PDB file of all heavy atoms in Angstrom:
ATOM      1  N   PRO A   1      -9.079 -18.474 -15.851  1.00  0.00           N
ATOM      2  CA  PRO A   1      -7.858 -18.350 -15.049  1.00  0.00           C
ATOM      3  C   PRO A   1      -7.966 -17.169 -14.096  1.00  0.00           C
ATOM      4  O   PRO A   1      -8.810 -16.286 -14.260  1.00  0.00           O
ATOM      5  CB  PRO A   1      -6.782 -18.091 -16.104  1.00  0.00           C
ATOM      6  CG  PRO A   1      -7.514 -17.259 -17.132  1.00  0.00           C
ATOM      7  CD  PRO A   1      -8.943 -17.777 -17.152  1.00  0.00           C
ATOM      8  N   VAL A   2      -7.087 -17.137 -13.099  1.00  0.00           N
ATOM      9  CA  VAL A   2      -6.841 -15.930 -12.318  1.00  0.00           C
ATOM     10  C   VAL A   2      -5.492 -15.415 -12.790  1.00  0.00           C
ATOM     11  O   VAL A   2      -4.470 -16.075 -12.592  1.00  0.00           O
ATOM     12  CB  VAL A   2      -6.830 -16.225 -10.804  1.00  0.00           C
ATOM     13  CG1 VAL A   2      -6.485 -14.951 -10.030  1.00  0.00           C
ATOM     14  CG2 VAL A   2      -8.186 -16.770 -10.354  1.00  0.00           C
ATOM     15  N   LEU A   3      -5.480 -14.271 -13.433  1.00  0.00           N
ATOM     16  CA  LEU A   3      -4.269 -13.764 -14.062  1.00  0.00           C
ATOM     17  C   LEU A   3      -3.263 -13.291 -13.021  1.00  0.00           C
ATOM     18  O   LEU A   3      -3.614 -13.009 -11.875  1.00  0.00           O
ATOM     19  CB  LEU A   3      -4.626 -12.621 -15.012  1.00  0.00           C
ATOM     20  CG  LEU A   3      -5.612 -12.975 -16.137  1.00  0.00           C
ATOM     21  CD1 LEU A   3      -5.907 -11.735 -16.977  1.00  0.00           C
ATOM     22  CD2 LEU A   3      -5.088 -14.099 -17.007  1.00  0.00           C
ATOM     23  N   TRP A   4      -2.009 -13.193 -13.427  1.00  0.00           N
ATOM     24  CA  TRP A   4      -0.955 -12.743 -12.516  1.00  0.00           C
ATOM     25  C   TRP A   4      -1.283 -11.361 -11.980  1.00  0.00           C
ATOM     26  O   TRP A   4      -1.669 -10.452 -12.724  1.00  0.00           O
ATOM     27  CB  TRP A   4       0.393 -12.720 -13.229  1.00  0.00           C
ATOM     28  CG  TRP A   4       0.991 -14.081 -13.378  1.00  0.00           C
ATOM     29  CD1 TRP A   4       1.003 -14.859 -14.493  1.00  0.00           C
ATOM     30  CD2 TRP A   4       1.646 -14.832 -12.348  1.00  0.00           C
ATOM     31  NE1 TRP A   4       1.617 -16.059 -14.227  1.00  0.00           N
ATOM     32  CE2 TRP A   4       2.027 -16.071 -12.918  1.00  0.00           C
ATOM     33  CE3 TRP A   4       1.944 -14.585 -11.006  1.00  0.00           C
ATOM     34  CZ2 TRP A   4       2.691 -17.055 -12.192  1.00  0.00           C
ATOM     35  CZ3 TRP A   4       2.604 -15.560 -10.276  1.00  0.00           C
ATOM     36  CH2 TRP A   4       2.974 -16.774 -10.874  1.00  0.00           C
ATOM     37  N   HIS A   5      -1.125 -11.192 -10.660  1.00  0.00           N
ATOM     38  CA  HIS A   5      -1.443  -9.915 -10.030  1.00  0.00           C
ATOM     39  C   HIS A   5      -0.860  -9.869  -8.622  1.00  0.00           C
ATOM     40  O   HIS A   5      -0.396 -10.885  -8.090  1.00  0.00           O
ATOM     41  CB  HIS A   5      -2.960  -9.706  -9.949  1.00  0.00           C
ATOM     42  CG  HIS A   5      -3.647 -10.647  -8.998  1.00  0.00           C
ATOM     43  ND1 HIS A   5      -3.862 -11.990  -9.286  1.00  0.00           N
ATOM     44  CD2 HIS A   5      -4.152 -10.458  -7.745  1.00  0.00           C
ATOM     45  CE1 HIS A   5      -4.466 -12.568  -8.284  1.00  0.00           C
ATOM     46  NE2 HIS A   5      -4.657 -11.665  -7.316  1.00  0.00           N
ATOM     47  N   LYS A   6      -0.890  -8.687  -8.024  1.00  0.00           N
ATOM     48  CA  LYS A   6      -0.662  -8.498  -6.598  1.00  0.00           C
ATOM     49  C   LYS A   6      -1.956  -7.947  -6.008  1.00  0.00           C
ATOM     50  O   LYS A   6      -2.632  -7.131  -6.633  1.00  0.00           O
ATOM     51  CB  LYS A   6       0.483  -7.516  -6.347  1.00  0.00           C
ATOM     52  CG  LYS A   6       1.872  -8.035  -6.732  1.00  0.00           C
ATOM     53  CD  LYS A   6       2.950  -7.042  -6.310  1.00  0.00           C
ATOM     54  CE  LYS A   6       4.351  -7.608  -6.531  1.00  0.00           C
ATOM     55  NZ  LYS A   6       5.408  -6.750  -5.947  1.00  0.00           N
ATOM     56  N   ASP A   7      -2.285  -8.377  -4.792  1.00  0.00           N
ATOM     57  CA  ASP A   7      -3.520  -7.900  -4.174  1.00  0.00           C
ATOM     58  C   ASP A   7      -3.412  -6.440  -3.749  1.00  0.00           C
ATOM     59  O   ASP A   7      -4.431  -5.758  -3.609  1.00  0.00           O
ATOM     60  CB  ASP A   7      -3.864  -8.752  -2.945  1.00  0.00           C
ATOM     61  CG  ASP A   7      -4.205 -10.182  -3.335  1.00  0.00           C
ATOM     62  OD1 ASP A   7      -4.706 -10.388  -4.459  1.00  0.00           O
ATOM     63  OD2 ASP A   7      -3.980 -11.088  -2.515  1.00  0.00           O
ATOM     64  N   MET A   8      -2.209  -5.969  -3.512  1.00  0.00           N
ATOM     65  CA  MET A   8      -1.992  -4.577  -3.144  1.00  0.00           C
ATOM     66  C   MET A   8      -0.634  -4.155  -3.673  1.00  0.00           C
ATOM     67  O   MET A   8       0.311  -4.943  -3.617  1.00  0.00           O
ATOM     68  CB  MET A   8      -2.060  -4.403  -1.622  1.00  0.00           C
ATOM     69  CG  MET A   8      -1.919  -2.962  -1.161  1.00  0.00           C
ATOM     70  SD  MET A   8      -2.151  -2.778   0.629  1.00  0.00           S
ATOM     71  CE  MET A   8      -3.933  -2.932   0.719  1.00  0.00           C
ATOM     72  N   VAL A   9      -0.537  -2.958  -4.193  1.00  0.00           N
ATOM     73  CA  VAL A   9       0.728  -2.450  -4.730  1.00  0.00           C
ATOM     74  C   VAL A   9       1.005  -1.102  -4.078  1.00  0.00           C
ATOM     75  O   VAL A   9       0.244  -0.153  -4.265  1.00  0.00           O
ATOM     76  CB  VAL A   9       0.663  -2.305  -6.264  1.00  0.00           C
ATOM     77  CG1 VAL A   9       1.997  -1.798  -6.795  1.00  0.00           C
ATOM     78  CG2 VAL A   9       0.304  -3.633  -6.914  1.00  0.00           C
ATOM     79  N   HIS A  10       2.052  -1.014  -3.290  1.00  0.00           N
ATOM     80  CA  HIS A  10       2.402   0.231  -2.628  1.00  0.00           C
ATOM     81  C   HIS A  10       3.796   0.091  -2.036  1.00  0.00           C
ATOM     82  O   HIS A  10       4.383  -0.991  -2.033  1.00  0.00           O
ATOM     83  CB  HIS A  10       1.391   0.559  -1.515  1.00  0.00           C
ATOM     84  CG  HIS A  10       1.368  -0.450  -0.405  1.00  0.00           C
ATOM     85  ND1 HIS A  10       2.088  -0.297   0.761  1.00  0.00           N
ATOM     86  CD2 HIS A  10       0.724  -1.641  -0.294  1.00  0.00           C
ATOM     87  CE1 HIS A  10       1.870  -1.340   1.552  1.00  0.00           C
ATOM     88  NE2 HIS A  10       1.056  -2.165   0.928  1.00  0.00           N
ATOM     89  N   ARG A  11       4.318   1.180  -1.522  1.00  0.00           N
ATOM     90  CA  ARG A  11       5.584   1.135  -0.778  1.00  0.00           C
ATOM     91  C   ARG A  11       5.231   0.814   0.661  1.00  0.00           C
ATOM     92  O   ARG A  11       4.696   1.656   1.374  1.00  0.00           O
ATOM     93  CB  ARG A  11       6.309   2.475  -0.896  1.00  0.00           C
ATOM     94  CG  ARG A  11       6.742   2.780  -2.324  1.00  0.00           C
ATOM     95  CD  ARG A  11       7.644   4.006  -2.376  1.00  0.00           C
ATOM     96  NE  ARG A  11       8.072   4.270  -3.757  1.00  0.00           N
ATOM     97  CZ  ARG A  11       8.987   5.156  -4.073  1.00  0.00           C
ATOM     98  NH1 ARG A  11       9.576   5.881  -3.122  1.00  0.00           N
ATOM     99  NH2 ARG A  11       9.329   5.351  -5.333  1.00  0.00           N
ATOM    100  N   ARG A  12       5.512  -0.394   1.060  1.00  0.00           N
ATOM    101  CA  ARG A  12       4.978  -0.890   2.329  1.00  0.00           C
ATOM    102  C   ARG A  12       5.489  -0.111   3.529  1.00  0.00           C
ATOM    103  O   ARG A  12       6.641   0.296   3.601  1.00  0.00           O
ATOM    104  CB  ARG A  12       5.310  -2.373   2.495  1.00  0.00           C
ATOM    105  CG  ARG A  12       6.748  -2.681   2.754  1.00  0.00           C
ATOM    106  CD  ARG A  12       6.949  -4.137   3.182  1.00  0.00           C
ATOM    107  NE  ARG A  12       6.514  -5.071   2.158  1.00  0.00           N
ATOM    108  CZ  ARG A  12       5.509  -5.930   2.332  1.00  0.00           C
ATOM    109  NH1 ARG A  12       4.852  -5.966   3.452  1.00  0.00           N
ATOM    110  NH2 ARG A  12       5.192  -6.763   1.381  1.00  0.00           N
ATOM    111  N   SER A  13       4.583   0.116   4.478  1.00  0.00           N
ATOM    112  CA  SER A  13       4.955   0.640   5.783  1.00  0.00           C
ATOM    113  C   SER A  13       4.472  -0.296   6.875  1.00  0.00           C
ATOM    114  O   SER A  13       4.572   0.015   8.055  1.00  0.00           O
ATOM    115  CB  SER A  13       4.359   2.042   5.990  1.00  0.00           C
ATOM    116  OG  SER A  13       2.944   1.988   5.990  1.00  0.00           O
ATOM    117  N   GLY A  14       3.934  -1.442   6.479  1.00  0.00           N
ATOM    118  CA  GLY A  14       3.439  -2.421   7.439  1.00  0.00           C
ATOM    119  C   GLY A  14       3.044  -3.689   6.720  1.00  0.00           C
ATOM    120  O   GLY A  14       3.136  -3.792   5.499  1.00  0.00           O
ATOM    121  N   THR A  15       2.585  -4.662   7.483  1.00  0.00           N
ATOM    122  CA  THR A  15       2.230  -5.965   6.937  1.00  0.00           C
ATOM    123  C   THR A  15       0.769  -5.997   6.511  1.00  0.00           C
ATOM    124  O   THR A  15      -0.111  -5.528   7.228  1.00  0.00           O
ATOM    125  CB  THR A  15       2.472  -7.071   7.977  1.00  0.00           C
ATOM    126  OG1 THR A  15       3.856  -7.058   8.334  1.00  0.00           O
ATOM    127  CG2 THR A  15       2.109  -8.439   7.427  1.00  0.00           C
ATOM    128  N   CYS A  16       0.520  -6.526   5.343  1.00  0.00           N
ATOM    129  CA  CYS A  16      -0.841  -6.776   4.866  1.00  0.00           C
ATOM    130  C   CYS A  16      -0.864  -8.205   4.325  1.00  0.00           C
ATOM    131  O   CYS A  16       0.053  -8.618   3.632  1.00  0.00           O
ATOM    132  CB  CYS A  16      -1.230  -5.775   3.785  1.00  0.00           C
ATOM    133  SG  CYS A  16      -0.008  -5.589   2.466  1.00  0.00           S
ATOM    134  N   PHE A  17      -1.889  -8.975   4.680  1.00  0.00           N
ATOM    135  CA  PHE A  17      -1.864 -10.372   4.253  1.00  0.00           C
ATOM    136  C   PHE A  17      -3.255 -10.868   3.887  1.00  0.00           C
ATOM    137  O   PHE A  17      -4.272 -10.302   4.286  1.00  0.00           O
ATOM    138  CB  PHE A  17      -1.251 -11.261   5.337  1.00  0.00           C
ATOM    139  CG  PHE A  17      -2.176 -11.608   6.473  1.00  0.00           C
ATOM    140  CD1 PHE A  17      -2.937 -12.780   6.452  1.00  0.00           C
ATOM    141  CD2 PHE A  17      -2.286 -10.781   7.575  1.00  0.00           C
ATOM    142  CE1 PHE A  17      -3.778 -13.102   7.493  1.00  0.00           C
ATOM    143  CE2 PHE A  17      -3.126 -11.090   8.627  1.00  0.00           C
ATOM    144  CZ  PHE A  17      -3.879 -12.255   8.588  1.00  0.00           C
ATOM    145  N   THR A  18      -3.252 -11.929   3.105  1.00  0.00           N
ATOM    146  CA  THR A  18      -4.467 -12.621   2.688  1.00  0.00           C
ATOM    147  C   THR A  18      -4.463 -14.018   3.287  1.00  0.00           C
ATOM    148  O   THR A  18      -3.455 -14.721   3.223  1.00  0.00           O
ATOM    149  CB  THR A  18      -4.535 -12.728   1.152  1.00  0.00           C
ATOM    150  OG1 THR A  18      -4.534 -11.418   0.588  1.00  0.00           O
ATOM    151  CG2 THR A  18      -5.787 -13.468   0.702  1.00  0.00           C
ATOM    152  N   ALA A  19      -5.594 -14.418   3.857  1.00  0.00           N
ATOM    153  CA  ALA A  19      -5.786 -15.786   4.328  1.00  0.00           C
ATOM    154  C   ALA A  19      -6.793 -16.456   3.402  1.00  0.00           C
ATOM    155  O   ALA A  19      -7.939 -16.009   3.292  1.00  0.00           O
ATOM    156  CB  ALA A  19      -6.294 -15.797   5.768  1.00  0.00           C
ATOM    157  N   GLY A  20      -6.364 -17.504   2.706  1.00  0.00           N
ATOM    158  CA  GLY A  20      -7.250 -18.254   1.822  1.00  0.00           C
ATOM    159  C   GLY A  20      -7.655 -19.559   2.479  1.00  0.00           C
ATOM    160  O   GLY A  20      -6.805 -20.404   2.764  1.00  0.00           O
ATOM    161  N   ILE A  21      -8.938 -19.731   2.745  1.00  0.00           N
ATOM    162  CA  ILE A  21      -9.461 -20.927   3.408  1.00  0.00           C
ATOM    163  C   ILE A  21     -10.075 -21.823   2.336  1.00  0.00           C
ATOM    164  O   ILE A  21     -11.088 -21.470   1.721  1.00  0.00           O
ATOM    165  CB  ILE A  21     -10.488 -20.550   4.484  1.00  0.00           C
ATOM    166  CG1 ILE A  21      -9.842 -19.613   5.508  1.00  0.00           C
ATOM    167  CG2 ILE A  21     -11.048 -21.799   5.166  1.00  0.00           C
ATOM    168  CD1 ILE A  21     -10.815 -19.038   6.520  1.00  0.00           C
ATOM    169  N   TYR A  22      -9.457 -22.966   2.111  1.00  0.00           N
ATOM    170  CA  TYR A  22      -9.868 -23.856   1.023  1.00  0.00           C
ATOM    171  C   TYR A  22     -10.991 -24.775   1.486  1.00  0.00           C
ATOM    172  O   TYR A  22     -10.819 -25.580   2.404  1.00  0.00           O
ATOM    173  CB  TYR A  22      -8.669 -24.687   0.541  1.00  0.00           C
ATOM    174  CG  TYR A  22      -7.750 -23.925  -0.375  1.00  0.00           C
ATOM    175  CD1 TYR A  22      -6.987 -22.862   0.105  1.00  0.00           C
ATOM    176  CD2 TYR A  22      -7.662 -24.231  -1.731  1.00  0.00           C
ATOM    177  CE1 TYR A  22      -6.161 -22.130  -0.730  1.00  0.00           C
ATOM    178  CE2 TYR A  22      -6.834 -23.512  -2.576  1.00  0.00           C
ATOM    179  CZ  TYR A  22      -6.086 -22.466  -2.078  1.00  0.00           C
ATOM    180  OH  TYR A  22      -5.272 -21.740  -2.919  1.00  0.00           O
ATOM    181  N   LEU A  23     -12.138 -24.678   0.833  1.00  0.00           N
ATOM    182  CA  LEU A  23     -13.243 -25.589   1.120  1.00  0.00           C
ATOM    183  C   LEU A  23     -13.117 -26.879   0.319  1.00  0.00           C
ATOM    184  O   LEU A  23     -13.717 -27.888   0.687  1.00  0.00           O
ATOM    185  CB  LEU A  23     -14.582 -24.914   0.801  1.00  0.00           C
ATOM    186  CG  LEU A  23     -14.855 -23.574   1.486  1.00  0.00           C
ATOM    187  CD1 LEU A  23     -16.276 -23.121   1.190  1.00  0.00           C
ATOM    188  CD2 LEU A  23     -14.616 -23.657   2.983  1.00  0.00           C
ATOM    189  N   ASP A  24     -12.346 -26.829  -0.752  1.00  0.00           N
ATOM    190  CA  ASP A  24     -12.145 -27.986  -1.626  1.00  0.00           C
ATOM    191  C   ASP A  24     -10.656 -28.112  -1.928  1.00  0.00           C
ATOM    192  O   ASP A  24      -9.918 -27.131  -1.841  1.00  0.00           O
ATOM    193  CB  ASP A  24     -12.908 -27.805  -2.946  1.00  0.00           C
ATOM    194  CG  ASP A  24     -14.372 -27.488  -2.735  1.00  0.00           C
ATOM    195  OD1 ASP A  24     -15.113 -28.376  -2.290  1.00  0.00           O
ATOM    196  OD2 ASP A  24     -14.760 -26.328  -2.990  1.00  0.00           O
ATOM    197  N   PRO A  25     -10.202 -29.308  -2.308  1.00  0.00           N
ATOM    198  CA  PRO A  25      -8.787 -29.469  -2.647  1.00  0.00           C
ATOM    199  C   PRO A  25      -8.422 -28.763  -3.948  1.00  0.00           C
ATOM    200  O   PRO A  25      -9.276 -28.534  -4.806  1.00  0.00           O
ATOM    201  CB  PRO A  25      -8.614 -30.984  -2.766  1.00  0.00           C
ATOM    202  CG  PRO A  25      -9.975 -31.502  -3.087  1.00  0.00           C
ATOM    203  CD  PRO A  25     -10.938 -30.583  -2.384  1.00  0.00           C
ATOM    204  N   SER A  26      -7.152 -28.418  -4.065  1.00  0.00           N
ATOM    205  CA  SER A  26      -6.608 -27.807  -5.269  1.00  0.00           C
ATOM    206  C   SER A  26      -5.352 -28.587  -5.627  1.00  0.00           C
ATOM    207  O   SER A  26      -4.396 -28.614  -4.855  1.00  0.00           O
ATOM    208  CB  SER A  26      -6.289 -26.337  -5.003  1.00  0.00           C
ATOM    209  OG  SER A  26      -5.751 -25.727  -6.142  1.00  0.00           O
ATOM    210  N   PHE A  27      -5.358 -29.238  -6.792  1.00  0.00           N
ATOM    211  CA  PHE A  27      -4.314 -30.197  -7.122  1.00  0.00           C
ATOM    212  C   PHE A  27      -3.236 -29.599  -8.025  1.00  0.00           C
ATOM    213  O   PHE A  27      -3.516 -28.732  -8.867  1.00  0.00           O
ATOM    214  CB  PHE A  27      -4.926 -31.420  -7.789  1.00  0.00           C
ATOM    215  CG  PHE A  27      -5.907 -32.150  -6.912  1.00  0.00           C
ATOM    216  CD1 PHE A  27      -7.273 -32.089  -7.174  1.00  0.00           C
ATOM    217  CD2 PHE A  27      -5.472 -32.877  -5.821  1.00  0.00           C
ATOM    218  CE1 PHE A  27      -8.175 -32.755  -6.368  1.00  0.00           C
ATOM    219  CE2 PHE A  27      -6.371 -33.557  -5.003  1.00  0.00           C
ATOM    220  CZ  PHE A  27      -7.719 -33.486  -5.275  1.00  0.00           C
ATOM    221  N   ALA A  28      -2.024 -30.081  -7.858  1.00  0.00           N
ATOM    222  CA  ALA A  28      -0.910 -29.654  -8.706  1.00  0.00           C
ATOM    223  C   ALA A  28      -1.235 -29.960 -10.167  1.00  0.00           C
ATOM    224  O   ALA A  28      -1.780 -31.011 -10.500  1.00  0.00           O
ATOM    225  CB  ALA A  28       0.369 -30.377  -8.282  1.00  0.00           C
ATOM    226  N   GLY A  29      -0.929 -29.022 -11.036  1.00  0.00           N
ATOM    227  CA  GLY A  29      -1.169 -29.215 -12.456  1.00  0.00           C
ATOM    228  C   GLY A  29      -2.610 -29.024 -12.882  1.00  0.00           C
ATOM    229  O   GLY A  29      -2.945 -29.247 -14.047  1.00  0.00           O
ATOM    230  N   ASP A  30      -3.478 -28.615 -11.948  1.00  0.00           N
ATOM    231  CA  ASP A  30      -4.887 -28.452 -12.297  1.00  0.00           C
ATOM    232  C   ASP A  30      -5.470 -27.211 -11.612  1.00  0.00           C
ATOM    233  O   ASP A  30      -6.415 -27.300 -10.830  1.00  0.00           O
ATOM    234  CB  ASP A  30      -5.684 -29.694 -11.919  1.00  0.00           C
ATOM    235  CG  ASP A  30      -7.085 -29.699 -12.528  1.00  0.00           C
ATOM    236  OD1 ASP A  30      -7.244 -29.159 -13.646  1.00  0.00           O
ATOM    237  OD2 ASP A  30      -8.017 -30.231 -11.894  1.00  0.00           O
ATOM    238  N   GLY A  31      -4.879 -26.060 -11.898  1.00  0.00           N
ATOM    239  CA  GLY A  31      -5.436 -24.810 -11.412  1.00  0.00           C
ATOM    240  C   GLY A  31      -5.015 -24.398 -10.023  1.00  0.00           C
ATOM    241  O   GLY A  31      -5.607 -23.486  -9.442  1.00  0.00           O
ATOM    242  N   ALA A  32      -3.989 -25.044  -9.457  1.00  0.00           N
ATOM    243  CA  ALA A  32      -3.521 -24.658  -8.121  1.00  0.00           C
ATOM    244  C   ALA A  32      -2.842 -23.289  -8.169  1.00  0.00           C
ATOM    245  O   ALA A  32      -2.358 -22.844  -9.211  1.00  0.00           O
ATOM    246  CB  ALA A  32      -2.553 -25.706  -7.572  1.00  0.00           C
ATOM    247  N   LEU A  33      -2.789 -22.647  -7.007  1.00  0.00           N
ATOM    248  CA  LEU A  33      -2.172 -21.327  -6.923  1.00  0.00           C
ATOM    249  C   LEU A  33      -0.692 -21.405  -7.279  1.00  0.00           C
ATOM    250  O   LEU A  33       0.017 -22.319  -6.868  1.00  0.00           O
ATOM    251  CB  LEU A  33      -2.327 -20.770  -5.508  1.00  0.00           C
ATOM    252  CG  LEU A  33      -1.905 -19.311  -5.323  1.00  0.00           C
ATOM    253  CD1 LEU A  33      -2.903 -18.379  -6.000  1.00  0.00           C
ATOM    254  CD2 LEU A  33      -1.764 -18.965  -3.849  1.00  0.00           C
ATOM    255  N   GLN A  34      -0.219 -20.406  -8.030  1.00  0.00           N
ATOM    256  CA  GLN A  34       1.185 -20.263  -8.379  1.00  0.00           C
ATOM    257  C   GLN A  34       1.683 -18.935  -7.818  1.00  0.00           C
ATOM    258  O   GLN A  34       0.974 -17.919  -7.890  1.00  0.00           O
ATOM    259  CB  GLN A  34       1.362 -20.283  -9.901  1.00  0.00           C
ATOM    260  CG  GLN A  34       0.875 -21.565 -10.554  1.00  0.00           C
ATOM    261  CD  GLN A  34       0.904 -21.497 -12.067  1.00  0.00           C
ATOM    262  OE1 GLN A  34       1.086 -20.437 -12.651  1.00  0.00           O
ATOM    263  NE2 GLN A  34       0.722 -22.636 -12.719  1.00  0.00           N
ATOM    264  N   VAL A  35       2.883 -18.939  -7.236  1.00  0.00           N
ATOM    265  CA  VAL A  35       3.435 -17.712  -6.658  1.00  0.00           C
ATOM    266  C   VAL A  35       4.886 -17.544  -7.093  1.00  0.00           C
ATOM    267  O   VAL A  35       5.581 -18.516  -7.366  1.00  0.00           O
ATOM    268  CB  VAL A  35       3.352 -17.723  -5.114  1.00  0.00           C
ATOM    269  CG1 VAL A  35       1.924 -17.938  -4.645  1.00  0.00           C
ATOM    270  CG2 VAL A  35       4.268 -18.776  -4.507  1.00  0.00           C
ATOM    271  N   VAL A  36       5.325 -16.278  -7.144  1.00  0.00           N
ATOM    272  CA  VAL A  36       6.727 -15.965  -7.410  1.00  0.00           C
ATOM    273  C   VAL A  36       7.387 -15.681  -6.069  1.00  0.00           C
ATOM    274  O   VAL A  36       7.119 -14.642  -5.455  1.00  0.00           O
ATOM    275  CB  VAL A  36       6.865 -14.748  -8.343  1.00  0.00           C
ATOM    276  CG1 VAL A  36       8.342 -14.395  -8.542  1.00  0.00           C
ATOM    277  CG2 VAL A  36       6.201 -15.027  -9.691  1.00  0.00           C
ATOM    278  N   PRO A  37       8.223 -16.594  -5.564  1.00  0.00           N
ATOM    279  CA  PRO A  37       8.822 -16.397  -4.241  1.00  0.00           C
ATOM    280  C   PRO A  37       9.600 -15.089  -4.145  1.00  0.00           C
ATOM    281  O   PRO A  37      10.338 -14.724  -5.065  1.00  0.00           O
ATOM    282  CB  PRO A  37       9.753 -17.610  -4.093  1.00  0.00           C
ATOM    283  CG  PRO A  37       9.180 -18.645  -5.010  1.00  0.00           C
ATOM    284  CD  PRO A  37       8.631 -17.878  -6.173  1.00  0.00           C
ATOM    285  N   GLY A  38       9.411 -14.383  -3.041  1.00  0.00           N
ATOM    286  CA  GLY A  38      10.146 -13.147  -2.812  1.00  0.00           C
ATOM    287  C   GLY A  38       9.603 -11.931  -3.522  1.00  0.00           C
ATOM    288  O   GLY A  38      10.118 -10.820  -3.338  1.00  0.00           O
ATOM    289  N   SER A  39       8.561 -12.090  -4.334  1.00  0.00           N
ATOM    290  CA  SER A  39       8.077 -10.969  -5.143  1.00  0.00           C
ATOM    291  C   SER A  39       7.395  -9.893  -4.308  1.00  0.00           C
ATOM    292  O   SER A  39       7.172  -8.781  -4.794  1.00  0.00           O
ATOM    293  CB  SER A  39       7.120 -11.470  -6.227  1.00  0.00           C
ATOM    294  OG  SER A  39       6.063 -12.231  -5.664  1.00  0.00           O
ATOM    295  N   HIS A  40       7.050 -10.202  -3.050  1.00  0.00           N
ATOM    296  CA  HIS A  40       6.447  -9.169  -2.195  1.00  0.00           C
ATOM    297  C   HIS A  40       7.453  -8.093  -1.805  1.00  0.00           C
ATOM    298  O   HIS A  40       7.071  -7.042  -1.282  1.00  0.00           O
ATOM    299  CB  HIS A  40       5.818  -9.795  -0.944  1.00  0.00           C
ATOM    300  CG  HIS A  40       6.737 -10.649  -0.130  1.00  0.00           C
ATOM    301  ND1 HIS A  40       7.443 -11.702  -0.660  1.00  0.00           N
ATOM    302  CD2 HIS A  40       7.062 -10.608   1.181  1.00  0.00           C
ATOM    303  CE1 HIS A  40       8.153 -12.271   0.292  1.00  0.00           C
ATOM    304  NE2 HIS A  40       7.944 -11.619   1.421  1.00  0.00           N
TER     305      HIS A  40
END
C-alpha cells in the first residue's frame, strides 16, 4: 500500500502541487488513489 500521508507539511505561503501522469489505468476498488477532500 501507499500509506496515508501529505507530500509536504508546513504553514503555506504559496502553492505547491504534484502532477501524477498515469501510464496505466487505476481502477476503483483496486488500489486507486484515495484523498480526503479539503485536507490541504
